[in-house]
Amino acid sequence: GEETPSSGSSVTVHYTGTLQADGSKFDSSRDRDDYFVFDVGVGQVIRGWDTGILTMKRGERAILRCKSHYGYGDRGSPPKIPGGATLDFDVELFKWKEQVKEPD
């Protein structure tokens, strides 16, 4: 859409990820001072991001709380993310670029 990115858009975000259980940080693009760019809604990231970022407006900052089935599931992402973990992501959406569909 115009207000929010549509599925397949290339989005540019900053994020900090923490474990909901104890608040420990496991990853942050802000610490690297490097934006994270990906195509939203097409399975390049965890389900919680694909779902949540599609609802965000440009410039919005939100906390995405992702239960394990929207995150890394029962396996987790060792060594930092245990199986079944609920994750909190502080995400800021800077911009997006709609993917232009090539004519058939």
PDB file of N, CA and C in Angstrom:
ATOM      1  N   GLY A   1       0.823  -1.206   0.000  1.00  0.00           N
ATOM      2  CA  GLY A   1       0.000   0.000   0.000  1.00  0.00           C
ATOM      3  C   GLY A   1       0.852   1.249   0.000  1.00  0.00           C
ATOM      4  N   GLU A   2       0.196   2.393   0.112  1.00  0.00           N
ATOM      5  CA  GLU A   2       0.934   3.661   0.159  1.00  0.00           C
ATOM      6  C   GLU A   2       1.398   3.978   1.571  1.00  0.00           C
ATOM      7  N   GLU A   3       0.524   3.725   2.566  1.00  0.00           N
ATOM      8  CA  GLU A   3       0.843   4.031   3.958  1.00  0.00           C
ATOM      9  C   GLU A   3       1.800   3.011   4.559  1.00  0.00           C
ATOM     10  N   THR A   4       1.651   1.758   4.142  1.00  0.00           N
ATOM     11  CA  THR A   4       2.448   0.664   4.687  1.00  0.00           C
ATOM     12  C   THR A   4       3.052  -0.125   3.533  1.00  0.00           C
ATOM     13  N   PRO A   5       4.163  -0.818   3.772  1.00  0.00           N
ATOM     14  CA  PRO A   5       4.757  -1.600   2.679  1.00  0.00           C
ATOM     15  C   PRO A   5       3.850  -2.763   2.281  1.00  0.00           C
ATOM     16  N   SER A   6       3.943  -3.177   1.044  1.00  0.00           N
ATOM     17  CA  SER A   6       3.198  -4.354   0.620  1.00  0.00           C
ATOM     18  C   SER A   6       4.154  -5.532   0.529  1.00  0.00           C
ATOM     19  N   SER A   7       3.587  -6.722   0.520  1.00  0.00           N
ATOM     20  CA  SER A   7       4.373  -7.947   0.475  1.00  0.00           C
ATOM     21  C   SER A   7       5.305  -7.920  -0.732  1.00  0.00           C
ATOM     22  N   GLY A   8       6.579  -8.248  -0.508  1.00  0.00           N
ATOM     23  CA  GLY A   8       7.570  -8.218  -1.579  1.00  0.00           C
ATOM     24  C   GLY A   8       8.378  -6.937  -1.639  1.00  0.00           C
ATOM     25  N   SER A   9       7.946  -5.897  -0.887  1.00  0.00           N
ATOM     26  CA  SER A   9       8.701  -4.643  -0.856  1.00  0.00           C
ATOM     27  C   SER A   9      10.053  -4.852  -0.184  1.00  0.00           C
ATOM     28  N   SER A  10      11.061  -4.135  -0.663  1.00  0.00           N
ATOM     29  CA  SER A  10      12.371  -4.126  -0.020  1.00  0.00           C
ATOM     30  C   SER A  10      12.335  -3.063   1.077  1.00  0.00           C
ATOM     31  N   VAL A  11      12.425  -3.494   2.350  1.00  0.00           N
ATOM     32  CA  VAL A  11      12.315  -2.568   3.478  1.00  0.00           C
ATOM     33  C   VAL A  11      13.672  -2.340   4.130  1.00  0.00           C
ATOM     34  N   THR A  12      13.838  -1.140   4.705  1.00  0.00           N
ATOM     35  CA  THR A  12      15.058  -0.761   5.409  1.00  0.00           C
ATOM     36  C   THR A  12      14.694  -0.475   6.861  1.00  0.00           C
ATOM     37  N   VAL A  13      15.292  -1.238   7.792  1.00  0.00           N
ATOM     38  CA  VAL A  13      14.955  -1.109   9.206  1.00  0.00           C
ATOM     39  C   VAL A  13      16.213  -1.073  10.067  1.00  0.00           C
ATOM     40  N   HIS A  14      16.018  -0.595  11.301  1.00  0.00           N
ATOM     41  CA  HIS A  14      16.974  -0.837  12.379  1.00  0.00           C
ATOM     42  C   HIS A  14      16.224  -1.657  13.416  1.00  0.00           C
ATOM     43  N   TYR A  15      16.932  -2.538  14.118  1.00  0.00           N
ATOM     44  CA  TYR A  15      16.264  -3.360  15.123  1.00  0.00           C
ATOM     45  C   TYR A  15      17.229  -3.720  16.241  1.00  0.00           C
ATOM     46  N   THR A  16      16.641  -4.005  17.395  1.00  0.00           N
ATOM     47  CA  THR A  16      17.355  -4.620  18.503  1.00  0.00           C
ATOM     48  C   THR A  16      16.488  -5.772  18.980  1.00  0.00           C
ATOM     49  N   GLY A  17      17.075  -6.963  19.067  1.00  0.00           N
ATOM     50  CA  GLY A  17      16.338  -8.140  19.510  1.00  0.00           C
ATOM     51  C   GLY A  17      16.749  -8.553  20.904  1.00  0.00           C
ATOM     52  N   THR A  18      15.742  -8.793  21.768  1.00  0.00           N
ATOM     53  CA  THR A  18      16.005  -9.242  23.132  1.00  0.00           C
ATOM     54  C   THR A  18      15.144 -10.459  23.447  1.00  0.00           C
ATOM     55  N   LEU A  19      15.607 -11.264  24.393  1.00  0.00           N
ATOM     56  CA  LEU A  19      14.811 -12.383  24.886  1.00  0.00           C
ATOM     57  C   LEU A  19      13.800 -11.829  25.874  1.00  0.00           C
ATOM     58  N   GLN A  20      12.522 -12.161  25.676  1.00  0.00           N
ATOM     59  CA  GLN A  20      11.490 -11.643  26.566  1.00  0.00           C
ATOM     60  C   GLN A  20      11.692 -12.148  27.990  1.00  0.00           C
ATOM     61  N   ALA A  21      12.200 -13.367  28.147  1.00  0.00           N
ATOM     62  CA  ALA A  21      12.357 -13.982  29.469  1.00  0.00           C
ATOM     63  C   ALA A  21      13.241 -13.167  30.409  1.00  0.00           C
ATOM     64  N   ASP A  22      14.372 -12.662  29.910  1.00  0.00           N
ATOM     65  CA  ASP A  22      15.302 -11.953  30.800  1.00  0.00           C
ATOM     66  C   ASP A  22      15.803 -10.622  30.245  1.00  0.00           C
ATOM     67  N   GLY A  23      15.320 -10.239  29.060  1.00  0.00           N
ATOM     68  CA  GLY A  23      15.702  -8.947  28.493  1.00  0.00           C
ATOM     69  C   GLY A  23      17.090  -8.907  27.880  1.00  0.00           C
ATOM     70  N   SER A  24      17.769 -10.063  27.810  1.00  0.00           N
ATOM     71  CA  SER A  24      19.128 -10.052  27.258  1.00  0.00           C
ATOM     72  C   SER A  24      19.102  -9.846  25.747  1.00  0.00           C
ATOM     73  N   LYS A  25      20.019  -9.003  25.288  1.00  0.00           N
ATOM     74  CA  LYS A  25      20.090  -8.663  23.864  1.00  0.00           C
ATOM     75  C   LYS A  25      20.842  -9.750  23.115  1.00  0.00           C
ATOM     76  N   PHE A  26      20.273 -10.200  21.979  1.00  0.00           N
ATOM     77  CA  PHE A  26      20.976 -11.203  21.179  1.00  0.00           C
ATOM     78  C   PHE A  26      21.414 -10.678  19.824  1.00  0.00           C
ATOM     79  N   ASP A  27      20.872  -9.547  19.399  1.00  0.00           N
ATOM     80  CA  ASP A  27      21.283  -9.004  18.100  1.00  0.00           C
ATOM     81  C   ASP A  27      20.804  -7.568  17.981  1.00  0.00           C
ATOM     82  N   SER A  28      21.561  -6.742  17.260  1.00  0.00           N
ATOM     83  CA  SER A  28      21.150  -5.361  17.037  1.00  0.00           C
ATOM     84  C   SER A  28      21.850  -4.773  15.820  1.00  0.00           C
ATOM     85  N   SER A  29      21.053  -4.325  14.863  1.00  0.00           N
ATOM     86  CA  SER A  29      21.635  -3.623  13.711  1.00  0.00           C
ATOM     87  C   SER A  29      22.164  -2.262  14.146  1.00  0.00           C
ATOM     88  N   ARG A  30      21.569  -1.694  15.206  1.00  0.00           N
ATOM     89  CA  ARG A  30      22.020  -0.388  15.699  1.00  0.00           C
ATOM     90  C   ARG A  30      23.457  -0.479  16.209  1.00  0.00           C
ATOM     91  N   ASP A  31      23.781  -1.587  16.893  1.00  0.00           N
ATOM     92  CA  ASP A  31      25.148  -1.766  17.408  1.00  0.00           C
ATOM     93  C   ASP A  31      26.159  -1.831  16.270  1.00  0.00           C
ATOM     94  N   ARG A  32      25.740  -2.386  15.150  1.00  0.00           N
ATOM     95  CA  ARG A  32      26.630  -2.476  13.979  1.00  0.00           C
ATOM     96  C   ARG A  32      26.607  -1.190  13.152  1.00  0.00           C
ATOM     97  N   ASP A  33      25.651  -0.289  13.484  1.00  0.00           N
ATOM     98  CA  ASP A  33      25.454   0.948  12.732  1.00  0.00           C
ATOM     99  C   ASP A  33      25.257   0.641  11.246  1.00  0.00           C
ATOM    100  N   ASP A  34      24.448  -0.378  10.987  1.00  0.00           N
ATOM    101  CA  ASP A  34      24.220  -0.821   9.618  1.00  0.00           C
ATOM    102  C   ASP A  34      22.758  -1.221   9.476  1.00  0.00           C
ATOM    103  N   TYR A  35      22.050  -0.549   8.584  1.00  0.00           N
ATOM    104  CA  TYR A  35      20.644  -0.887   8.373  1.00  0.00           C
ATOM    105  C   TYR A  35      20.499  -2.338   7.931  1.00  0.00           C
ATOM    106  N   PHE A  36      19.340  -2.922   8.248  1.00  0.00           N
ATOM    107  CA  PHE A  36      19.007  -4.261   7.777  1.00  0.00           C
ATOM    108  C   PHE A  36      17.984  -4.092   6.659  1.00  0.00           C
ATOM    109  N   VAL A  37      18.294  -4.628   5.483  1.00  0.00           N
ATOM    110  CA  VAL A  37      17.431  -4.494   4.309  1.00  0.00           C
ATOM    111  C   VAL A  37      17.008  -5.890   3.870  1.00  0.00           C
ATOM    112  N   PHE A  38      15.700  -6.078   3.660  1.00  0.00           N
ATOM    113  CA  PHE A  38      15.201  -7.381   3.213  1.00  0.00           C
ATOM    114  C   PHE A  38      13.854  -7.197   2.525  1.00  0.00           C
ATOM    115  N   ASP A  39      13.417  -8.227   1.827  1.00  0.00           N
ATOM    116  CA  ASP A  39      12.102  -8.217   1.183  1.00  0.00           C
ATOM    117  C   ASP A  39      11.089  -8.775   2.176  1.00  0.00           C
ATOM    118  N   VAL A  40      10.084  -7.951   2.522  1.00  0.00           N
ATOM    119  CA  VAL A  40       9.114  -8.329   3.548  1.00  0.00           C
ATOM    120  C   VAL A  40       7.982  -9.189   2.971  1.00  0.00           C
ATOM    121  N   GLY A  41       7.490 -10.097   3.794  1.00  0.00           N
ATOM    122  CA  GLY A  41       6.310 -10.876   3.422  1.00  0.00           C
ATOM    123  C   GLY A  41       6.576 -12.066   2.526  1.00  0.00           C
ATOM    124  N   VAL A  42       7.852 -12.417   2.317  1.00  0.00           N
ATOM    125  CA  VAL A  42       8.166 -13.522   1.397  1.00  0.00           C
ATOM    126  C   VAL A  42       9.050 -14.594   2.045  1.00  0.00           C
ATOM    127  N   GLY A  43       9.108 -14.610   3.383  1.00  0.00           N
ATOM    128  CA  GLY A  43       9.815 -15.682   4.069  1.00  0.00           C
ATOM    129  C   GLY A  43      11.317 -15.519   4.223  1.00  0.00           C
ATOM    130  N   GLN A  44      11.846 -14.305   3.995  1.00  0.00           N
ATOM    131  CA  GLN A  44      13.295 -14.086   4.194  1.00  0.00           C
ATOM    132  C   GLN A  44      13.642 -13.910   5.675  1.00  0.00           C
ATOM    133  N   VAL A  45      12.632 -13.600   6.484  1.00  0.00           N
ATOM    134  CA  VAL A  45      12.826 -13.365   7.920  1.00  0.00           C
ATOM    135  C   VAL A  45      11.778 -14.183   8.686  1.00  0.00           C
ATOM    136  N   ILE A  46      11.828 -14.124  10.015  1.00  0.00           N
ATOM    137  CA  ILE A  46      10.853 -14.864  10.820  1.00  0.00           C
ATOM    138  C   ILE A  46       9.431 -14.350  10.575  1.00  0.00           C
ATOM    139  N   ARG A  47       8.450 -15.225  10.838  1.00  0.00           N
ATOM    140  CA  ARG A  47       7.043 -14.892  10.569  1.00  0.00           C
ATOM    141  C   ARG A  47       6.575 -13.631  11.284  1.00  0.00           C
ATOM    142  N   GLY A  48       7.050 -13.429  12.520  1.00  0.00           N
ATOM    143  CA  GLY A  48       6.638 -12.248  13.276  1.00  0.00           C
ATOM    144  C   GLY A  48       7.002 -10.949  12.574  1.00  0.00           C
ATOM    145  N   TRP A  49       8.144 -10.949  11.895  1.00  0.00           N
ATOM    146  CA  TRP A  49       8.559  -9.765  11.135  1.00  0.00           C
ATOM    147  C   TRP A  49       7.734  -9.629   9.869  1.00  0.00           C
ATOM    148  N   ASP A  50       7.568 -10.729   9.139  1.00  0.00           N
ATOM    149  CA  ASP A  50       6.791 -10.670   7.895  1.00  0.00           C
ATOM    150  C   ASP A  50       5.386 -10.151   8.165  1.00  0.00           C
ATOM    151  N   THR A  51       4.810 -10.537   9.296  1.00  0.00           N
ATOM    152  CA  THR A  51       3.460 -10.106   9.656  1.00  0.00           C
ATOM    153  C   THR A  51       3.452  -8.672  10.186  1.00  0.00           C
ATOM    154  N   GLY A  52       4.338  -8.392  11.151  1.00  0.00           N
ATOM    155  CA  GLY A  52       4.316  -7.108  11.849  1.00  0.00           C
ATOM    156  C   GLY A  52       4.749  -5.919  11.015  1.00  0.00           C
ATOM    157  N   ILE A  53       5.795  -6.079  10.225  1.00  0.00           N
ATOM    158  CA  ILE A  53       6.334  -4.939   9.477  1.00  0.00           C
ATOM    159  C   ILE A  53       5.373  -4.487   8.381  1.00  0.00           C
ATOM    160  N   LEU A  54       4.546  -5.412   7.878  1.00  0.00           N
ATOM    161  CA  LEU A  54       3.547  -5.026   6.866  1.00  0.00           C
ATOM    162  C   LEU A  54       2.503  -4.059   7.421  1.00  0.00           C
ATOM    163  N   THR A  55       2.408  -3.933   8.757  1.00  0.00           N
ATOM    164  CA  THR A  55       1.430  -3.025   9.371  1.00  0.00           C
ATOM    165  C   THR A  55       2.045  -1.680   9.751  1.00  0.00           C
ATOM    166  N   MET A  56       3.360  -1.526   9.570  1.00  0.00           N
ATOM    167  CA  MET A  56       4.045  -0.317  10.031  1.00  0.00           C
ATOM    168  C   MET A  56       4.077   0.787   8.973  1.00  0.00           C
ATOM    169  N   LYS A  57       4.060   2.022   9.467  1.00  0.00           N
ATOM    170  CA  LYS A  57       4.175   3.184   8.587  1.00  0.00           C
ATOM    171  C   LYS A  57       5.634   3.654   8.558  1.00  0.00           C
ATOM    172  N   ARG A  58       5.981   4.415   7.522  1.00  0.00           N
ATOM    173  CA  ARG A  58       7.327   4.978   7.405  1.00  0.00           C
ATOM    174  C   ARG A  58       7.643   5.825   8.646  1.00  0.00           C
ATOM    175  N   GLY A  59       8.819   5.601   9.229  1.00  0.00           N
ATOM    176  CA  GLY A  59       9.232   6.362  10.405  1.00  0.00           C
ATOM    177  C   GLY A  59       8.720   5.803  11.717  1.00  0.00           C
ATOM    178  N   GLU A  60       7.864   4.787  11.664  1.00  0.00           N
ATOM    179  CA  GLU A  60       7.305   4.215  12.887  1.00  0.00           C
ATOM    180  C   GLU A  60       8.343   3.348  13.592  1.00  0.00           C
ATOM    181  N   ARG A  61       8.277   3.374  14.928  1.00  0.00           N
ATOM    182  CA  ARG A  61       9.112   2.492  15.751  1.00  0.00           C
ATOM    183  C   ARG A  61       8.160   1.669  16.601  1.00  0.00           C
ATOM    184  N   ALA A  62       8.329   0.363  16.608  1.00  0.00           N
ATOM    185  CA  ALA A  62       7.398  -0.523  17.297  1.00  0.00           C
ATOM    186  C   ALA A  62       8.150  -1.657  17.971  1.00  0.00           C
ATOM    187  N   ILE A  63       7.510  -2.237  18.971  1.00  0.00           N
ATOM    188  CA  ILE A  63       8.016  -3.460  19.586  1.00  0.00           C
ATOM    189  C   ILE A  63       7.214  -4.617  19.006  1.00  0.00           C
ATOM    190  N   LEU A  64       7.907  -5.530  18.346  1.00  0.00           N
ATOM    191  CA  LEU A  64       7.268  -6.742  17.839  1.00  0.00           C
ATOM    192  C   LEU A  64       7.599  -7.865  18.815  1.00  0.00           C
ATOM    193  N   ARG A  65       6.559  -8.343  19.543  1.00  0.00           N
ATOM    194  CA  ARG A  65       6.758  -9.482  20.453  1.00  0.00           C
ATOM    195  C   ARG A  65       6.378 -10.737  19.689  1.00  0.00           C
ATOM    196  N   CYS A  66       7.345 -11.622  19.511  1.00  0.00           N
ATOM    197  CA  CYS A  66       7.155 -12.810  18.679  1.00  0.00           C
ATOM    198  C   CYS A  66       7.223 -14.074  19.521  1.00  0.00           C
ATOM    199  N   LYS A  67       6.065 -14.732  19.703  1.00  0.00           N
ATOM    200  CA  LYS A  67       6.055 -16.061  20.328  1.00  0.00           C
ATOM    201  C   LYS A  67       6.901 -16.976  19.457  1.00  0.00           C
ATOM    202  N   SER A  68       7.314 -18.119  19.996  1.00  0.00           N
ATOM    203  CA  SER A  68       8.283 -18.957  19.285  1.00  0.00           C
ATOM    204  C   SER A  68       7.806 -19.389  17.900  1.00  0.00           C
ATOM    205  N   HIS A  69       6.484 -19.637  17.727  1.00  0.00           N
ATOM    206  CA  HIS A  69       6.022 -20.067  16.398  1.00  0.00           C
ATOM    207  C   HIS A  69       6.039 -18.921  15.384  1.00  0.00           C
ATOM    208  N   TYR A  70       6.247 -17.688  15.858  1.00  0.00           N
ATOM    209  CA  TYR A  70       6.475 -16.552  14.955  1.00  0.00           C
ATOM    210  C   TYR A  70       7.959 -16.182  14.927  1.00  0.00           C
ATOM    211  N   GLY A  71       8.763 -16.933  15.679  1.00  0.00           N
ATOM    212  CA  GLY A  71      10.199 -16.672  15.772  1.00  0.00           C
ATOM    213  C   GLY A  71      10.997 -17.844  15.242  1.00  0.00           C
ATOM    214  N   TYR A  72      11.762 -18.475  16.153  1.00  0.00           N
ATOM    215  CA  TYR A  72      12.650 -19.564  15.743  1.00  0.00           C
ATOM    216  C   TYR A  72      12.175 -20.940  16.207  1.00  0.00           C
ATOM    217  N   GLY A  73      10.931 -21.009  16.711  1.00  0.00           N
ATOM    218  CA  GLY A  73      10.319 -22.296  17.029  1.00  0.00           C
ATOM    219  C   GLY A  73      10.996 -23.064  18.151  1.00  0.00           C
ATOM    220  N   ASP A  74      10.764 -24.368  18.159  1.00  0.00           N
ATOM    221  CA  ASP A  74      11.278 -25.232  19.218  1.00  0.00           C
ATOM    222  C   ASP A  74      12.790 -25.400  19.158  1.00  0.00           C
ATOM    223  N   ARG A  75      13.362 -25.204  17.980  1.00  0.00           N
ATOM    224  CA  ARG A  75      14.814 -25.367  17.837  1.00  0.00           C
ATOM    225  C   ARG A  75      15.583 -24.141  18.296  1.00  0.00           C
ATOM    226  N   GLY A  76      14.950 -22.965  18.219  1.00  0.00           N
ATOM    227  CA  GLY A  76      15.658 -21.744  18.569  1.00  0.00           C
ATOM    228  C   GLY A  76      16.696 -21.405  17.508  1.00  0.00           C
ATOM    229  N   SER A  77      17.661 -20.573  17.895  1.00  0.00           N
ATOM    230  CA  SER A  77      18.773 -20.218  17.015  1.00  0.00           C
ATOM    231  C   SER A  77      20.039 -20.200  17.874  1.00  0.00           C
ATOM    232  N   PRO A  78      20.565 -21.405  18.176  1.00  0.00           N
ATOM    233  CA  PRO A  78      21.727 -21.506  19.077  1.00  0.00           C
ATOM    234  C   PRO A  78      22.912 -20.691  18.562  1.00  0.00           C
ATOM    235  N   PRO A  79      23.756 -20.170  19.463  1.00  0.00           N
ATOM    236  CA  PRO A  79      23.690 -20.379  20.909  1.00  0.00           C
ATOM    237  C   PRO A  79      22.886 -19.314  21.647  1.00  0.00           C
ATOM    238  N   LYS A  80      22.462 -18.257  20.966  1.00  0.00           N
ATOM    239  CA  LYS A  80      21.886 -17.110  21.682  1.00  0.00           C
ATOM    240  C   LYS A  80      20.392 -17.229  21.959  1.00  0.00           C
ATOM    241  N   ILE A  81      19.653 -17.948  21.106  1.00  0.00           N
ATOM    242  CA  ILE A  81      18.199 -18.012  21.251  1.00  0.00           C
ATOM    243  C   ILE A  81      17.778 -19.447  21.558  1.00  0.00           C
ATOM    244  N   PRO A  82      17.288 -19.684  22.796  1.00  0.00           N
ATOM    245  CA  PRO A  82      16.873 -21.049  23.142  1.00  0.00           C
ATOM    246  C   PRO A  82      15.574 -21.447  22.442  1.00  0.00           C
ATOM    247  N   GLY A  83      15.346 -22.748  22.334  1.00  0.00           N
ATOM    248  CA  GLY A  83      14.104 -23.240  21.747  1.00  0.00           C
ATOM    249  C   GLY A  83      12.897 -22.749  22.529  1.00  0.00           C
ATOM    250  N   GLY A  84      11.817 -22.428  21.826  1.00  0.00           N
ATOM    251  CA  GLY A  84      10.579 -21.995  22.462  1.00  0.00           C
ATOM    252  C   GLY A  84      10.593 -20.573  22.986  1.00  0.00           C
ATOM    253  N   ALA A  85      11.638 -19.806  22.678  1.00  0.00           N
ATOM    254  CA  ALA A  85      11.780 -18.455  23.242  1.00  0.00           C
ATOM    255  C   ALA A  85      10.808 -17.459  22.610  1.00  0.00           C
ATOM    256  N   THR A  86      10.231 -16.582  23.466  1.00  0.00           N
ATOM    257  CA  THR A  86       9.492 -15.414  22.993  1.00  0.00           C
ATOM    258  C   THR A  86      10.499 -14.274  22.852  1.00  0.00           C
ATOM    259  N   LEU A  87      10.453 -13.602  21.700  1.00  0.00           N
ATOM    260  CA  LEU A  87      11.440 -12.576  21.370  1.00  0.00           C
ATOM    261  C   LEU A  87      10.784 -11.213  21.248  1.00  0.00           C
ATOM    262  N   ASP A  88      11.469 -10.182  21.710  1.00  0.00           N
ATOM    263  CA  ASP A  88      11.024  -8.800  21.537  1.00  0.00           C
ATOM    264  C   ASP A  88      11.990  -8.101  20.588  1.00  0.00           C
ATOM    265  N   PHE A  89      11.423  -7.494  19.556  1.00  0.00           N
ATOM    266  CA  PHE A  89      12.232  -6.736  18.605  1.00  0.00           C
ATOM    267  C   PHE A  89      11.781  -5.285  18.613  1.00  0.00           C
ATOM    268  N   ASP A  90      12.705  -4.383  18.906  1.00  0.00           N
ATOM    269  CA  ASP A  90      12.471  -2.943  18.799  1.00  0.00           C
ATOM    270  C   ASP A  90      12.862  -2.580  17.366  1.00  0.00           C
ATOM    271  N   VAL A  91      11.845  -2.371  16.525  1.00  0.00           N
ATOM    272  CA  VAL A  91      12.061  -2.184  15.085  1.00  0.00           C
ATOM    273  C   VAL A  91      11.656  -0.775  14.665  1.00  0.00           C
ATOM    274  N   GLU A  92      12.486  -0.138  13.868  1.00  0.00           N
ATOM    275  CA  GLU A  92      12.163   1.162  13.279  1.00  0.00           C
ATOM    276  C   GLU A  92      12.208   1.017  11.765  1.00  0.00           C
ATOM    277  N   LEU A  93      11.093   1.381  11.118  1.00  0.00           N
ATOM    278  CA  LEU A  93      10.979   1.264   9.662  1.00  0.00           C
ATOM    279  C   LEU A  93      11.326   2.609   9.026  1.00  0.00           C
ATOM    280  N   PHE A  94      12.387   2.635   8.238  1.00  0.00           N
ATOM    281  CA  PHE A  94      12.835   3.883   7.628  1.00  0.00           C
ATOM    282  C   PHE A  94      12.225   4.115   6.257  1.00  0.00           C
ATOM    283  N   LYS A  95      12.270   3.110   5.411  1.00  0.00           N
ATOM    284  CA  LYS A  95      11.763   3.288   4.047  1.00  0.00           C
ATOM    285  C   LYS A  95      11.523   1.924   3.433  1.00  0.00           C
ATOM    286  N   TRP A  96      10.854   1.944   2.282  1.00  0.00           N
ATOM    287  CA  TRP A  96      10.701   0.725   1.511  1.00  0.00           C
ATOM    288  C   TRP A  96      10.584   1.068   0.045  1.00  0.00           C
ATOM    289  N   LYS A  97      10.846   0.069  -0.755  1.00  0.00           N
ATOM    290  CA  LYS A  97      10.761   0.225  -2.202  1.00  0.00           C
ATOM    291  C   LYS A  97       9.865  -0.897  -2.708  1.00  0.00           C
ATOM    292  N   GLU A  98       8.756  -0.497  -3.345  1.00  0.00           N
ATOM    293  CA  GLU A  98       7.853  -1.505  -3.909  1.00  0.00           C
ATOM    294  C   GLU A  98       8.568  -2.215  -5.044  1.00  0.00           C
ATOM    295  N   GLN A  99       8.401  -3.514  -5.122  1.00  0.00           N
ATOM    296  CA  GLN A  99       8.988  -4.267  -6.226  1.00  0.00           C
ATOM    297  C   GLN A  99       8.118  -4.085  -7.464  1.00  0.00           C
ATOM    298  N   VAL A 100       8.743  -3.696  -8.546  1.00  0.00           N
ATOM    299  CA  VAL A 100       8.018  -3.480  -9.801  1.00  0.00           C
ATOM    300  C   VAL A 100       7.825  -4.835 -10.474  1.00  0.00           C
ATOM    301  N   LYS A 101       6.579  -5.130 -10.791  1.00  0.00           N
ATOM    302  CA  LYS A 101       6.286  -6.399 -11.460  1.00  0.00           C
ATOM    303  C   LYS A 101       6.630  -6.281 -12.942  1.00  0.00           C
ATOM    304  N   GLU A 102       7.447  -7.209 -13.415  1.00  0.00           N
ATOM    305  CA  GLU A 102       7.801  -7.216 -14.838  1.00  0.00           C
ATOM    306  C   GLU A 102       6.601  -7.707 -15.641  1.00  0.00           C
ATOM    307  N   PRO A 103       6.297  -7.045 -16.763  1.00  0.00           N
ATOM    308  CA  PRO A 103       5.183  -7.537 -17.583  1.00  0.00           C
ATOM    309  C   PRO A 103       5.521  -8.909 -18.169  1.00  0.00           C
ATOM    310  N   ASP A 104       4.495  -9.747 -18.295  1.00  0.00           N
ATOM    311  CA  ASP A 104       4.718 -11.099 -18.846  1.00  0.00           C
ATOM    312  C   ASP A 104       5.011 -11.044 -20.327  1.00  0.00           C
TER     313      ASP A 104
END
